[in-house]
PDB file of all heavy atoms in Angstrom:
ATOM      1  N   ILE A   1     -22.196 -15.977  -3.288  1.00  0.00           N
ATOM      2  CA  ILE A   1     -23.563 -15.658  -2.822  1.00  0.00           C
ATOM      3  C   ILE A   1     -24.555 -16.767  -3.133  1.00  0.00           C
ATOM      4  O   ILE A   1     -24.613 -17.139  -4.329  1.00  0.00           O
ATOM      5  CB  ILE A   1     -24.066 -14.313  -3.416  1.00  0.00           C
ATOM      6  CG1 ILE A   1     -23.163 -13.169  -2.983  1.00  0.00           C
ATOM      7  CG2 ILE A   1     -25.510 -14.069  -2.987  1.00  0.00           C
ATOM      8  CD1 ILE A   1     -23.441 -11.821  -3.664  1.00  0.00           C
ATOM      9  N   ILE A   2     -25.140 -17.325  -2.163  1.00  0.00           N
ATOM     10  CA  ILE A   2     -26.128 -18.390  -2.347  1.00  0.00           C
ATOM     11  C   ILE A   2     -27.524 -17.775  -2.077  1.00  0.00           C
ATOM     12  O   ILE A   2     -27.809 -17.319  -1.003  1.00  0.00           O
ATOM     13  CB  ILE A   2     -25.915 -19.588  -1.431  1.00  0.00           C
ATOM     14  CG1 ILE A   2     -24.486 -20.112  -1.513  1.00  0.00           C
ATOM     15  CG2 ILE A   2     -26.977 -20.659  -1.626  1.00  0.00           C
ATOM     16  CD1 ILE A   2     -24.138 -20.769  -2.883  1.00  0.00           C
ATOM     17  N   ILE A   3     -28.357 -17.754  -3.070  1.00  0.00           N
ATOM     18  CA  ILE A   3     -29.724 -17.285  -2.918  1.00  0.00           C
ATOM     19  C   ILE A   3     -30.614 -18.536  -2.695  1.00  0.00           C
ATOM     20  O   ILE A   3     -30.926 -19.239  -3.678  1.00  0.00           O
ATOM     21  CB  ILE A   3     -30.280 -16.507  -4.120  1.00  0.00           C
ATOM     22  CG1 ILE A   3     -29.372 -15.273  -4.434  1.00  0.00           C
ATOM     23  CG2 ILE A   3     -31.710 -16.118  -3.935  1.00  0.00           C
ATOM     24  CD1 ILE A   3     -29.325 -14.251  -3.300  1.00  0.00           C
ATOM     25  N   ASP A   4     -30.923 -18.776  -1.438  1.00  0.00           N
ATOM     26  CA  ASP A   4     -31.749 -19.976  -1.120  1.00  0.00           C
ATOM     27  C   ASP A   4     -33.206 -19.615  -0.930  1.00  0.00           C
ATOM     28  O   ASP A   4     -34.052 -20.548  -0.748  1.00  0.00           O
ATOM     29  CB  ASP A   4     -31.166 -20.738   0.079  1.00  0.00           C
ATOM     30  CG  ASP A   4     -31.041 -19.911   1.344  1.00  0.00           C
ATOM     31  OD1 ASP A   4     -31.200 -18.666   1.241  1.00  0.00           O
ATOM     32  OD2 ASP A   4     -30.834 -20.509   2.373  1.00  0.00           O
ATOM     33  N   ARG A   5     -33.523 -18.329  -0.924  1.00  0.00           N
ATOM     34  CA  ARG A   5     -34.911 -17.902  -0.839  1.00  0.00           C
ATOM     35  C   ARG A   5     -35.186 -16.797  -1.832  1.00  0.00           C
ATOM     36  O   ARG A   5     -35.138 -15.582  -1.513  1.00  0.00           O
ATOM     37  CB  ARG A   5     -35.215 -17.408   0.621  1.00  0.00           C
ATOM     38  CG  ARG A   5     -34.976 -18.525   1.615  1.00  0.00           C
ATOM     39  CD  ARG A   5     -35.117 -18.066   3.017  1.00  0.00           C
ATOM     40  NE  ARG A   5     -34.736 -19.154   3.889  1.00  0.00           N
ATOM     41  CZ  ARG A   5     -34.750 -19.043   5.214  1.00  0.00           C
ATOM     42  NH1 ARG A   5     -35.122 -17.943   5.803  1.00  0.00           N
ATOM     43  NH2 ARG A   5     -34.338 -20.016   6.000  1.00  0.00           N
ATOM     44  N   PRO A   6     -35.370 -17.201  -3.098  1.00  0.00           N
ATOM     45  CA  PRO A   6     -35.588 -16.180  -4.152  1.00  0.00           C
ATOM     46  C   PRO A   6     -36.848 -15.355  -3.962  1.00  0.00           C
ATOM     47  O   PRO A   6     -37.810 -15.773  -3.315  1.00  0.00           O
ATOM     48  CB  PRO A   6     -35.694 -17.057  -5.440  1.00  0.00           C
ATOM     49  CG  PRO A   6     -35.207 -18.405  -5.036  1.00  0.00           C
ATOM     50  CD  PRO A   6     -35.420 -18.551  -3.605  1.00  0.00           C
ATOM     51  N   LYS A   7     -36.790 -14.184  -4.553  1.00  0.00           N
ATOM     52  CA  LYS A   7     -37.964 -13.277  -4.582  1.00  0.00           C
ATOM     53  C   LYS A   7     -39.145 -14.053  -5.051  1.00  0.00           C
ATOM     54  O   LYS A   7     -39.050 -14.773  -6.005  1.00  0.00           O
ATOM     55  CB  LYS A   7     -37.637 -12.087  -5.461  1.00  0.00           C
ATOM     56  CG  LYS A   7     -38.733 -11.087  -5.612  1.00  0.00           C
ATOM     57  CD  LYS A   7     -38.288  -9.982  -6.517  1.00  0.00           C
ATOM     58  CE  LYS A   7     -39.375  -8.987  -6.744  1.00  0.00           C
ATOM     59  NZ  LYS A   7     -38.916  -7.870  -7.606  1.00  0.00           N
ATOM     60  N   GLY A   8     -40.259 -13.933  -4.351  1.00  0.00           N
ATOM     61  CA  GLY A   8     -41.506 -14.624  -4.751  1.00  0.00           C
ATOM     62  C   GLY A   8     -41.747 -15.949  -4.104  1.00  0.00           C
ATOM     63  O   GLY A   8     -42.834 -16.530  -4.234  1.00  0.00           O
ATOM     64  N   THR A   9     -40.749 -16.442  -3.345  1.00  0.00           N
ATOM     65  CA  THR A   9     -40.934 -17.741  -2.696  1.00  0.00           C
ATOM     66  C   THR A   9     -41.377 -17.543  -1.209  1.00  0.00           C
ATOM     67  O   THR A   9     -41.167 -16.491  -0.620  1.00  0.00           O
ATOM     68  CB  THR A   9     -39.670 -18.600  -2.704  1.00  0.00           C
ATOM     69  OG1 THR A   9     -38.608 -17.923  -2.015  1.00  0.00           O
ATOM     70  CG2 THR A   9     -39.264 -18.885  -4.147  1.00  0.00           C
ATOM     71  N   ALA A  10     -41.928 -18.639  -0.639  1.00  0.00           N
ATOM     72  CA  ALA A  10     -42.421 -18.601   0.719  1.00  0.00           C
ATOM     73  C   ALA A  10     -41.337 -18.970   1.688  1.00  0.00           C
ATOM     74  O   ALA A  10     -40.449 -19.755   1.352  1.00  0.00           O
ATOM     75  CB  ALA A  10     -43.633 -19.511   0.900  1.00  0.00           C
ATOM     76  N   HIS A  11     -41.405 -18.452   2.908  1.00  0.00           N
ATOM     77  CA  HIS A  11     -40.464 -18.822   3.965  1.00  0.00           C
ATOM     78  C   HIS A  11     -40.734 -20.273   4.336  1.00  0.00           C
ATOM     79  O   HIS A  11     -41.877 -20.680   4.387  1.00  0.00           O
ATOM     80  CB  HIS A  11     -40.672 -17.894   5.159  1.00  0.00           C
ATOM     81  CG  HIS A  11     -39.674 -18.052   6.251  1.00  0.00           C
ATOM     82  ND1 HIS A  11     -39.703 -19.151   7.130  1.00  0.00           N
ATOM     83  CD2 HIS A  11     -38.649 -17.262   6.613  1.00  0.00           C
ATOM     84  CE1 HIS A  11     -38.726 -18.989   7.979  1.00  0.00           C
ATOM     85  NE2 HIS A  11     -38.064 -17.862   7.699  1.00  0.00           N
ATOM     86  N   PRO A  12     -39.690 -21.087   4.579  1.00  0.00           N
ATOM     87  CA  PRO A  12     -39.864 -22.482   4.903  1.00  0.00           C
ATOM     88  C   PRO A  12     -40.660 -22.770   6.132  1.00  0.00           C
ATOM     89  O   PRO A  12     -41.388 -23.772   6.179  1.00  0.00           O
ATOM     90  CB  PRO A  12     -38.430 -23.005   4.973  1.00  0.00           C
ATOM     91  CG  PRO A  12     -37.557 -21.868   5.101  1.00  0.00           C
ATOM     92  CD  PRO A  12     -38.257 -20.683   4.565  1.00  0.00           C
ATOM     93  N   LYS A  13     -40.589 -21.894   7.213  1.00  0.00           N
ATOM     94  CA  LYS A  13     -41.331 -22.143   8.408  1.00  0.00           C
ATOM     95  C   LYS A  13     -42.647 -21.338   8.491  1.00  0.00           C
ATOM     96  O   LYS A  13     -43.540 -21.676   9.274  1.00  0.00           O
ATOM     97  CB  LYS A  13     -40.460 -21.718   9.631  1.00  0.00           C
ATOM     98  CG  LYS A  13     -39.361 -22.680   9.868  1.00  0.00           C
ATOM     99  CD  LYS A  13     -38.566 -22.289  11.113  1.00  0.00           C
ATOM    100  CE  LYS A  13     -37.360 -23.196  11.302  1.00  0.00           C
ATOM    101  NZ  LYS A  13     -36.569 -22.743  12.475  1.00  0.00           N
ATOM    102  N   TYR A  14     -42.710 -20.248   7.729  1.00  0.00           N
ATOM    103  CA  TYR A  14     -43.843 -19.324   7.795  1.00  0.00           C
ATOM    104  C   TYR A  14     -44.412 -19.136   6.354  1.00  0.00           C
ATOM    105  O   TYR A  14     -44.043 -18.196   5.691  1.00  0.00           O
ATOM    106  CB  TYR A  14     -43.482 -17.984   8.432  1.00  0.00           C
ATOM    107  CG  TYR A  14     -42.772 -18.143   9.751  1.00  0.00           C
ATOM    108  CD1 TYR A  14     -41.392 -18.046   9.877  1.00  0.00           C
ATOM    109  CD2 TYR A  14     -43.524 -18.432  10.877  1.00  0.00           C
ATOM    110  CE1 TYR A  14     -40.752 -18.185  11.078  1.00  0.00           C
ATOM    111  CE2 TYR A  14     -42.886 -18.629  12.105  1.00  0.00           C
ATOM    112  CZ  TYR A  14     -41.502 -18.457  12.217  1.00  0.00           C
ATOM    113  OH  TYR A  14     -40.912 -18.622  13.423  1.00  0.00           O
ATOM    114  N   PRO A  15     -45.219 -20.131   5.870  1.00  0.00           N
ATOM    115  CA  PRO A  15     -45.614 -20.070   4.440  1.00  0.00           C
ATOM    116  C   PRO A  15     -46.410 -18.806   4.045  1.00  0.00           C
ATOM    117  O   PRO A  15     -46.514 -18.563   2.838  1.00  0.00           O
ATOM    118  CB  PRO A  15     -46.450 -21.328   4.306  1.00  0.00           C
ATOM    119  CG  PRO A  15     -46.751 -21.810   5.711  1.00  0.00           C
ATOM    120  CD  PRO A  15     -45.773 -21.209   6.605  1.00  0.00           C
ATOM    121  N   ASP A  16     -46.934 -18.075   4.959  1.00  0.00           N
ATOM    122  CA  ASP A  16     -47.662 -16.823   4.600  1.00  0.00           C
ATOM    123  C   ASP A  16     -46.646 -15.721   4.289  1.00  0.00           C
ATOM    124  O   ASP A  16     -47.090 -14.670   3.714  1.00  0.00           O
ATOM    125  CB  ASP A  16     -48.551 -16.414   5.783  1.00  0.00           C
ATOM    126  CG  ASP A  16     -49.758 -17.338   5.940  1.00  0.00           C
ATOM    127  OD1 ASP A  16     -50.067 -18.112   4.984  1.00  0.00           O
ATOM    128  OD2 ASP A  16     -50.358 -17.352   7.055  1.00  0.00           O
ATOM    129  N   PHE A  17     -45.415 -15.857   4.669  1.00  0.00           N
ATOM    130  CA  PHE A  17     -44.406 -14.841   4.385  1.00  0.00           C
ATOM    131  C   PHE A  17     -43.783 -15.107   3.047  1.00  0.00           C
ATOM    132  O   PHE A  17     -43.176 -16.186   2.817  1.00  0.00           O
ATOM    133  CB  PHE A  17     -43.313 -14.791   5.489  1.00  0.00           C
ATOM    134  CG  PHE A  17     -42.250 -13.790   5.146  1.00  0.00           C
ATOM    135  CD1 PHE A  17     -42.425 -12.451   5.476  1.00  0.00           C
ATOM    136  CD2 PHE A  17     -41.080 -14.204   4.566  1.00  0.00           C
ATOM    137  CE1 PHE A  17     -41.454 -11.500   5.149  1.00  0.00           C
ATOM    138  CE2 PHE A  17     -40.055 -13.257   4.240  1.00  0.00           C
ATOM    139  CZ  PHE A  17     -40.312 -11.924   4.547  1.00  0.00           C
ATOM    140  N   ILE A  18     -43.934 -14.200   2.120  1.00  0.00           N
ATOM    141  CA  ILE A  18     -43.329 -14.291   0.746  1.00  0.00           C
ATOM    142  C   ILE A  18     -42.193 -13.282   0.652  1.00  0.00           C
ATOM    143  O   ILE A  18     -42.321 -12.094   0.949  1.00  0.00           O
ATOM    144  CB  ILE A  18     -44.382 -13.956  -0.324  1.00  0.00           C
ATOM    145  CG1 ILE A  18     -45.619 -14.867  -0.169  1.00  0.00           C
ATOM    146  CG2 ILE A  18     -43.819 -14.092  -1.709  1.00  0.00           C
ATOM    147  CD1 ILE A  18     -45.360 -16.354  -0.291  1.00  0.00           C
ATOM    148  N   TYR A  19     -41.077 -13.770   0.232  1.00  0.00           N
ATOM    149  CA  TYR A  19     -39.893 -12.897   0.031  1.00  0.00           C
ATOM    150  C   TYR A  19     -40.120 -11.949  -1.092  1.00  0.00           C
ATOM    151  O   TYR A  19     -40.527 -12.406  -2.228  1.00  0.00           O
ATOM    152  CB  TYR A  19     -38.623 -13.748  -0.221  1.00  0.00           C
ATOM    153  CG  TYR A  19     -38.135 -14.361   1.053  1.00  0.00           C
ATOM    154  CD1 TYR A  19     -38.538 -15.647   1.440  1.00  0.00           C
ATOM    155  CD2 TYR A  19     -37.230 -13.717   1.920  1.00  0.00           C
ATOM    156  CE1 TYR A  19     -38.122 -16.245   2.612  1.00  0.00           C
ATOM    157  CE2 TYR A  19     -36.824 -14.306   3.127  1.00  0.00           C
ATOM    158  CZ  TYR A  19     -37.287 -15.533   3.428  1.00  0.00           C
ATOM    159  OH  TYR A  19     -36.857 -16.111   4.593  1.00  0.00           O
ATOM    160  N   ARG A  20     -39.889 -10.663  -0.880  1.00  0.00           N
ATOM    161  CA  ARG A  20     -40.067  -9.642  -1.927  1.00  0.00           C
ATOM    162  C   ARG A  20     -38.740  -9.160  -2.531  1.00  0.00           C
ATOM    163  O   ARG A  20     -38.733  -8.348  -3.449  1.00  0.00           O
ATOM    164  CB  ARG A  20     -40.902  -8.483  -1.374  1.00  0.00           C
ATOM    165  CG  ARG A  20     -42.308  -8.921  -0.954  1.00  0.00           C
ATOM    166  CD  ARG A  20     -43.120  -7.959  -0.161  1.00  0.00           C
ATOM    167  NE  ARG A  20     -43.107  -6.670  -0.745  1.00  0.00           N
ATOM    168  CZ  ARG A  20     -43.297  -5.532  -0.040  1.00  0.00           C
ATOM    169  NH1 ARG A  20     -43.484  -5.615   1.312  1.00  0.00           N
ATOM    170  NH2 ARG A  20     -43.292  -4.351  -0.598  1.00  0.00           N
ATOM    171  N   VAL A  21     -37.671  -9.653  -1.921  1.00  0.00           N
ATOM    172  CA  VAL A  21     -36.284  -9.390  -2.447  1.00  0.00           C
ATOM    173  C   VAL A  21     -35.522 -10.683  -2.235  1.00  0.00           C
ATOM    174  O   VAL A  21     -35.792 -11.406  -1.308  1.00  0.00           O
ATOM    175  CB  VAL A  21     -35.646  -8.232  -1.593  1.00  0.00           C
ATOM    176  CG1 VAL A  21     -34.191  -8.022  -2.053  1.00  0.00           C
ATOM    177  CG2 VAL A  21     -36.434  -6.912  -1.685  1.00  0.00           C
ATOM    178  N   ASP A  22     -34.637 -11.004  -3.162  1.00  0.00           N
ATOM    179  CA  ASP A  22     -33.825 -12.218  -3.029  1.00  0.00           C
ATOM    180  C   ASP A  22     -33.076 -12.226  -1.757  1.00  0.00           C
ATOM    181  O   ASP A  22     -32.488 -11.211  -1.317  1.00  0.00           O
ATOM    182  CB  ASP A  22     -32.804 -12.306  -4.152  1.00  0.00           C
ATOM    183  CG  ASP A  22     -33.395 -12.724  -5.492  1.00  0.00           C
ATOM    184  OD1 ASP A  22     -34.488 -13.292  -5.537  1.00  0.00           O
ATOM    185  OD2 ASP A  22     -32.721 -12.453  -6.553  1.00  0.00           O
ATOM    186  N   TYR A  23     -33.113 -13.355  -1.041  1.00  0.00           N
ATOM    187  CA  TYR A  23     -32.479 -13.549   0.236  1.00  0.00           C
ATOM    188  C   TYR A  23     -31.594 -14.744   0.277  1.00  0.00           C
ATOM    189  O   TYR A  23     -31.965 -15.790  -0.295  1.00  0.00           O
ATOM    190  CB  TYR A  23     -33.564 -13.673   1.343  1.00  0.00           C
ATOM    191  CG  TYR A  23     -33.079 -13.694   2.775  1.00  0.00           C
ATOM    192  CD1 TYR A  23     -32.567 -12.570   3.399  1.00  0.00           C
ATOM    193  CD2 TYR A  23     -33.127 -14.894   3.458  1.00  0.00           C
ATOM    194  CE1 TYR A  23     -32.165 -12.598   4.728  1.00  0.00           C
ATOM    195  CE2 TYR A  23     -32.718 -14.944   4.795  1.00  0.00           C
ATOM    196  CZ  TYR A  23     -32.237 -13.770   5.417  1.00  0.00           C
ATOM    197  OH  TYR A  23     -31.860 -13.810   6.746  1.00  0.00           O
ATOM    198  N   GLY A  24     -30.465 -14.656   0.883  1.00  0.00           N
ATOM    199  CA  GLY A  24     -29.553 -15.810   0.938  1.00  0.00           C
ATOM    200  C   GLY A  24     -28.428 -15.575   1.913  1.00  0.00           C
ATOM    201  O   GLY A  24     -28.597 -14.895   2.951  1.00  0.00           O
ATOM    202  N   TYR A  25     -27.251 -16.110   1.595  1.00  0.00           N
ATOM    203  CA  TYR A  25     -26.134 -16.049   2.502  1.00  0.00           C
ATOM    204  C   TYR A  25     -24.813 -16.135   1.755  1.00  0.00           C
ATOM    205  O   TYR A  25     -24.793 -16.476   0.533  1.00  0.00           O
ATOM    206  CB  TYR A  25     -26.223 -17.146   3.610  1.00  0.00           C
ATOM    207  CG  TYR A  25     -26.110 -18.569   2.987  1.00  0.00           C
ATOM    208  CD1 TYR A  25     -24.890 -19.178   2.960  1.00  0.00           C
ATOM    209  CD2 TYR A  25     -27.258 -19.189   2.503  1.00  0.00           C
ATOM    210  CE1 TYR A  25     -24.757 -20.502   2.391  1.00  0.00           C
ATOM    211  CE2 TYR A  25     -27.172 -20.478   1.972  1.00  0.00           C
ATOM    212  CZ  TYR A  25     -25.941 -21.120   1.912  1.00  0.00           C
ATOM    213  OH  TYR A  25     -25.794 -22.359   1.376  1.00  0.00           O
ATOM    214  N   LEU A  26     -23.775 -15.766   2.428  1.00  0.00           N
ATOM    215  CA  LEU A  26     -22.403 -15.891   1.855  1.00  0.00           C
ATOM    216  C   LEU A  26     -21.840 -17.253   2.202  1.00  0.00           C
ATOM    217  O   LEU A  26     -21.755 -17.584   3.463  1.00  0.00           O
ATOM    218  CB  LEU A  26     -21.494 -14.799   2.380  1.00  0.00           C
ATOM    219  CG  LEU A  26     -21.914 -13.371   2.101  1.00  0.00           C
ATOM    220  CD1 LEU A  26     -20.954 -12.389   2.762  1.00  0.00           C
ATOM    221  CD2 LEU A  26     -21.975 -13.080   0.595  1.00  0.00           C
ATOM    222  N   LYS A  27     -21.571 -18.055   1.275  1.00  0.00           N
ATOM    223  CA  LYS A  27     -21.056 -19.389   1.477  1.00  0.00           C
ATOM    224  C   LYS A  27     -19.714 -19.349   2.256  1.00  0.00           C
ATOM    225  O   LYS A  27     -18.879 -18.453   2.026  1.00  0.00           O
ATOM    226  CB  LYS A  27     -20.864 -20.115   0.143  1.00  0.00           C
ATOM    227  CG  LYS A  27     -20.471 -21.559   0.263  1.00  0.00           C
ATOM    228  CD  LYS A  27     -20.393 -22.202  -1.136  1.00  0.00           C
ATOM    229  CE  LYS A  27     -19.981 -23.656  -1.020  1.00  0.00           C
ATOM    230  NZ  LYS A  27     -19.929 -24.276  -2.349  1.00  0.00           N
ATOM    231  N   ASP A  28     -19.541 -20.332   3.135  1.00  0.00           N
ATOM    232  CA  ASP A  28     -18.278 -20.450   3.925  1.00  0.00           C
ATOM    233  C   ASP A  28     -18.022 -19.251   4.827  1.00  0.00           C
ATOM    234  O   ASP A  28     -16.878 -18.876   5.043  1.00  0.00           O
ATOM    235  CB  ASP A  28     -17.076 -20.682   3.017  1.00  0.00           C
ATOM    236  CG  ASP A  28     -17.245 -22.030   2.251  1.00  0.00           C
ATOM    237  OD1 ASP A  28     -17.795 -23.013   2.848  1.00  0.00           O
ATOM    238  OD2 ASP A  28     -16.783 -22.118   1.121  1.00  0.00           O
TER     239      ASP A  28
END
C-alpha cells in the first residue's frame, strides 16, 4: 500500500481539496 496523499494534504491539481482520510494505491 502506497499512501501518496496522506490525510491533511492538498490534492495536486485542486489545492482547495484537502484529504481527510489517507489515500493511495496498491503498488504493481
